[in-house]
Protein backbone atom coordinates (compact mmCIF):
# COMPACT_ATOMS: atom_id res chain seq x y z
CA MET A 1 3.72 -30.84 100.29
CA PRO A 2 5.44 -33.87 99.46
CA ALA A 3 6.00 -36.55 101.93
CA PHE A 4 10.05 -36.36 101.79
CA THR A 5 10.06 -32.84 102.46
CA GLN A 6 8.00 -33.35 105.62
CA ALA A 7 10.50 -35.89 106.93
CA ILE A 8 13.16 -33.34 106.56
CA PRO A 9 12.47 -30.08 108.16
CA ASN A 10 15.10 -28.00 106.27
CA ALA A 11 14.84 -29.33 102.90
CA MET A 12 14.08 -27.10 100.01
CA THR A 13 11.66 -27.57 97.35
CA ASP A 14 12.24 -27.15 93.73
CA ILE A 15 10.60 -23.87 93.46
CA GLU A 16 12.63 -22.60 96.84
CA LEU A 17 15.81 -23.54 95.17
CA GLU A 18 14.86 -21.55 92.29
CA ALA A 19 14.09 -18.47 94.06
CA ALA A 20 17.18 -18.93 96.41
CA PRO A 21 19.83 -16.24 95.45
CA GLN A 22 22.85 -17.58 93.37
CA TYR A 23 26.37 -16.34 94.87
CA ASP A 24 28.81 -15.39 92.77
CA LEU A 25 32.31 -16.02 94.35
CA SER A 26 33.56 -12.31 93.26
CA THR A 27 30.67 -10.61 95.61
CA VAL A 28 32.66 -12.57 98.32
CA VAL A 29 36.38 -12.06 97.24
CA ILE A 30 36.57 -8.78 96.38
CA PRO A 31 35.39 -7.56 99.84
CA LEU A 32 37.73 -10.14 101.72
CA LEU A 33 40.57 -8.82 99.71
CA LYS A 34 39.79 -5.39 100.93
CA GLY A 35 39.62 -6.43 104.60
CA VAL A 36 37.28 -7.88 106.94
CA ILE A 37 33.76 -9.23 106.57
CA TYR A 38 32.03 -9.01 109.54
CA GLN A 39 28.25 -10.62 110.32
CA GLU A 40 26.67 -7.48 111.30
CA GLY A 41 27.95 -5.56 108.45
CA GLY A 42 25.03 -7.00 106.21
CA VAL A 43 23.37 -10.43 106.15
CA GLY A 44 24.02 -10.42 102.34
CA PRO A 45 27.76 -10.55 102.35
CA TRP A 46 27.85 -12.96 105.30
CA ASN A 47 25.28 -15.28 104.04
CA ALA A 48 27.17 -15.36 100.65
CA LEU A 49 30.45 -16.08 102.43
CA LEU A 50 28.87 -18.90 104.30
CA LYS A 51 27.32 -20.39 101.04
CA VAL A 52 30.37 -20.45 98.83
CA GLN A 53 33.01 -20.86 101.80
CA ALA A 54 34.37 -24.31 100.31
CA ARG A 55 34.65 -22.61 96.71
CA LEU A 56 36.16 -19.87 98.38
CA ARG A 57 38.91 -21.56 99.91
CA ASP A 58 39.82 -23.42 97.16
CA TYR A 59 40.16 -20.08 95.04
CA VAL A 60 41.97 -18.22 97.47
CA ALA A 61 44.34 -21.16 98.16
CA VAL A 62 45.73 -20.50 94.48
CA LEU A 63 46.64 -16.99 95.56
CA GLY A 64 48.56 -18.39 98.68
CA LEU A 65 45.87 -17.27 100.99
CA GLU A 66 43.55 -18.86 103.63
CA LEU A 67 40.11 -18.14 104.88
CA MET A 68 39.84 -17.29 108.54
CA LEU A 69 36.24 -17.72 109.28
CA GLU A 70 34.98 -17.43 112.75
CA GLU A 71 31.29 -18.02 112.60
CA ALA A 72 30.78 -17.86 116.27
CA LYS A 73 32.29 -14.27 116.65
CA GLY A 74 30.91 -13.07 113.10
CA TYR A 75 34.14 -12.32 111.07
CA ALA A 76 35.95 -13.56 108.50
CA PHE A 77 39.36 -12.34 106.75
CA LEU A 78 42.12 -13.67 104.69
CA ARG A 79 45.71 -14.13 105.56
CA SER A 80 48.93 -15.60 103.80
CA ARG A 81 48.69 -19.27 104.07
CA ARG A 82 51.44 -20.93 106.37
CA ALA A 83 53.41 -23.79 104.80
CA ALA A 84 53.41 -26.80 106.86
CA GLU A 85 56.94 -27.94 108.34
CA ASP A 86 56.97 -30.85 105.99
CA ASP A 87 55.72 -29.31 102.78
CA GLU A 88 58.87 -26.86 103.32
CA ASP A 89 60.68 -28.40 100.67
CA ALA A 90 57.45 -29.37 98.33
CA ALA A 91 56.19 -25.85 97.53
CA PRO A 92 58.37 -22.61 96.86
CA LYS A 93 57.63 -19.97 99.41
CA LEU A 94 56.06 -16.70 98.46
CA PRO A 95 57.77 -13.57 98.80
CA ARG A 96 56.35 -11.16 101.12
CA LEU A 97 57.98 -7.61 100.14
CA VAL A 98 59.75 -7.47 97.00
CA LEU A 99 61.74 -4.73 95.62
CA SER A 100 63.58 -3.80 92.49
CA ARG A 101 67.06 -2.82 92.45
CA ASP A 102 65.98 0.61 91.08
CA ASP A 103 63.63 1.07 93.80
CA ILE A 104 66.32 0.29 96.63
CA VAL A 105 68.56 2.91 94.80
CA LYS A 106 65.84 5.75 95.18
CA LEU A 107 65.10 4.77 98.71
CA ILE A 108 68.74 4.58 99.73
CA ARG A 109 70.08 7.91 97.72
CA VAL A 110 68.41 10.25 100.12
CA PHE A 111 70.63 8.92 102.83
CA LEU A 112 73.89 9.23 100.93
CA PRO A 113 76.07 12.11 100.58
CA GLN A 114 75.50 14.33 97.32
CA ASN A 115 77.79 12.88 94.55
CA SER A 116 77.80 14.16 90.82
CA ASN A 117 78.97 10.46 89.63
CA GLU A 118 76.05 8.87 89.43
CA VAL A 119 77.76 5.38 88.33
CA ARG A 120 79.90 5.54 91.09
CA LEU A 121 77.04 6.24 93.32
CA ILE A 122 74.86 3.05 91.90
CA ASP A 123 78.04 1.24 92.55
CA GLN A 124 78.15 1.92 96.12
CA ILE A 125 74.70 1.26 96.72
CA GLU A 126 75.32 -2.14 94.96
CA THR A 127 77.79 -2.79 97.15
CA ARG A 128 75.76 -2.02 99.97
CA ILE A 129 72.84 -4.34 98.67
CA ASN A 130 75.06 -7.27 98.41
CA ARG A 131 76.51 -6.72 101.83
CA VAL A 132 72.85 -6.80 103.23
CA VAL A 133 72.18 -9.92 100.99
CA GLU A 134 75.21 -11.52 102.80
CA LEU A 135 73.62 -10.47 106.31
CA GLY A 136 70.41 -12.30 105.30
CA PHE A 137 68.12 -9.15 105.27
CA LEU A 138 67.43 -9.45 101.62
CA ARG A 139 67.23 -12.48 99.37
CA GLY A 140 68.00 -12.24 95.43
CA LEU A 141 64.85 -13.53 93.24
CA LYS A 142 65.61 -15.24 90.15
CA THR A 143 64.83 -12.93 87.11
CA VAL A 144 64.54 -13.48 83.34
CA PRO A 145 67.42 -12.04 80.91
CA GLY A 146 66.94 -8.30 80.52
CA GLN A 147 64.41 -7.83 83.53
CA ALA A 148 65.94 -5.52 86.53
CA ALA A 149 67.48 -7.60 89.57
CA THR A 150 64.62 -7.91 92.47
CA PHE A 151 64.81 -8.72 96.02
CA GLU A 152 62.75 -10.18 98.62
CA VAL A 153 62.87 -8.14 102.20
CA ARG A 154 63.21 -11.03 104.43
CA ARG A 155 60.97 -11.20 107.30
CA ILE A 156 63.82 -11.28 110.02
CA LEU A 157 64.26 -7.71 109.40
CA LYS A 158 60.95 -7.16 111.19
CA ASP A 159 62.48 -8.87 114.33
CA PHE A 160 66.00 -7.39 114.18
CA VAL A 161 64.72 -3.76 113.53
CA ASP A 162 62.39 -3.31 116.63
CA ALA A 163 61.25 -0.30 118.63
CA GLN A 164 64.51 -0.29 120.86
CA TRP A 165 66.72 -0.35 117.75
CA LEU A 166 64.62 2.39 116.21
CA SER A 167 64.70 4.83 119.18
CA GLU A 168 68.85 4.15 119.43
CA PHE A 169 68.98 4.91 115.71
CA ASP A 170 66.75 8.24 116.01
CA ALA A 171 68.83 9.22 118.92
CA ARG A 172 72.27 8.72 116.77
CA LEU A 173 70.47 10.66 113.95
CA ALA A 174 69.97 13.35 116.34
CA GLU A 175 73.17 13.71 117.75
CA TYR A 176 74.59 13.73 114.05
CA GLN A 177 72.36 16.47 113.22
CA THR A 178 73.49 18.78 116.07
CA GLN A 179 77.04 17.88 115.12
CA LEU A 180 76.35 18.93 111.54
CA ALA A 181 74.47 22.19 112.97
CA GLY A 182 77.19 22.91 114.95
CA GLY A 183 79.75 22.58 112.27
CA VAL A 184 82.12 20.13 114.54
CA GLY A 185 85.27 19.92 112.69
CA GLY A 186 83.30 19.56 109.38
CA ASN A 187 83.64 15.73 109.62
CA GLU A 188 81.49 13.52 107.52
CA CYS A 189 78.86 11.08 109.16
CA PHE A 190 78.00 8.05 108.00
CA VAL A 191 75.63 5.26 109.49
CA ARG A 192 77.25 1.81 109.21
CA PHE A 193 75.20 -1.19 108.83
């Protein structure tokens, strides 16, 4: 054995380097995009992750993700990258949930009374979409000409619509349902936002 490998106990010889497995980035990225990689889940994926973590961090950063690696606890996963406060104006924020106008129309249509005038119904929904944009729960995204309008569902909606709000909403819906089932005066019930 050459003298330089004796001085460095963990150094690998040329033959050992050629026999060492070469890890492809896709063998780590694909399982991470699917979920969490655990150390006890298999030595192969975990070792591959440790060997290519620098390349992996660069690769997923392009996708707006960051690698969360806890070697001591034995797990790793990807999460959305958080922009630094000072870089807020430097890079555009990535949208979290994007819906087209047609998607919103399909989702809202079931909550509106039956209407034979399709154009009027879509006009009413667009009016409500504009109101929700004004309230700050949706943000219109730039589109190219000929492309349907798209909207980002803002994260504040998750904080505004909490478990208590949903419980109260469920109670109001149950009340409306009993009124409609009992035929109280034939009044129409609308939920206002």
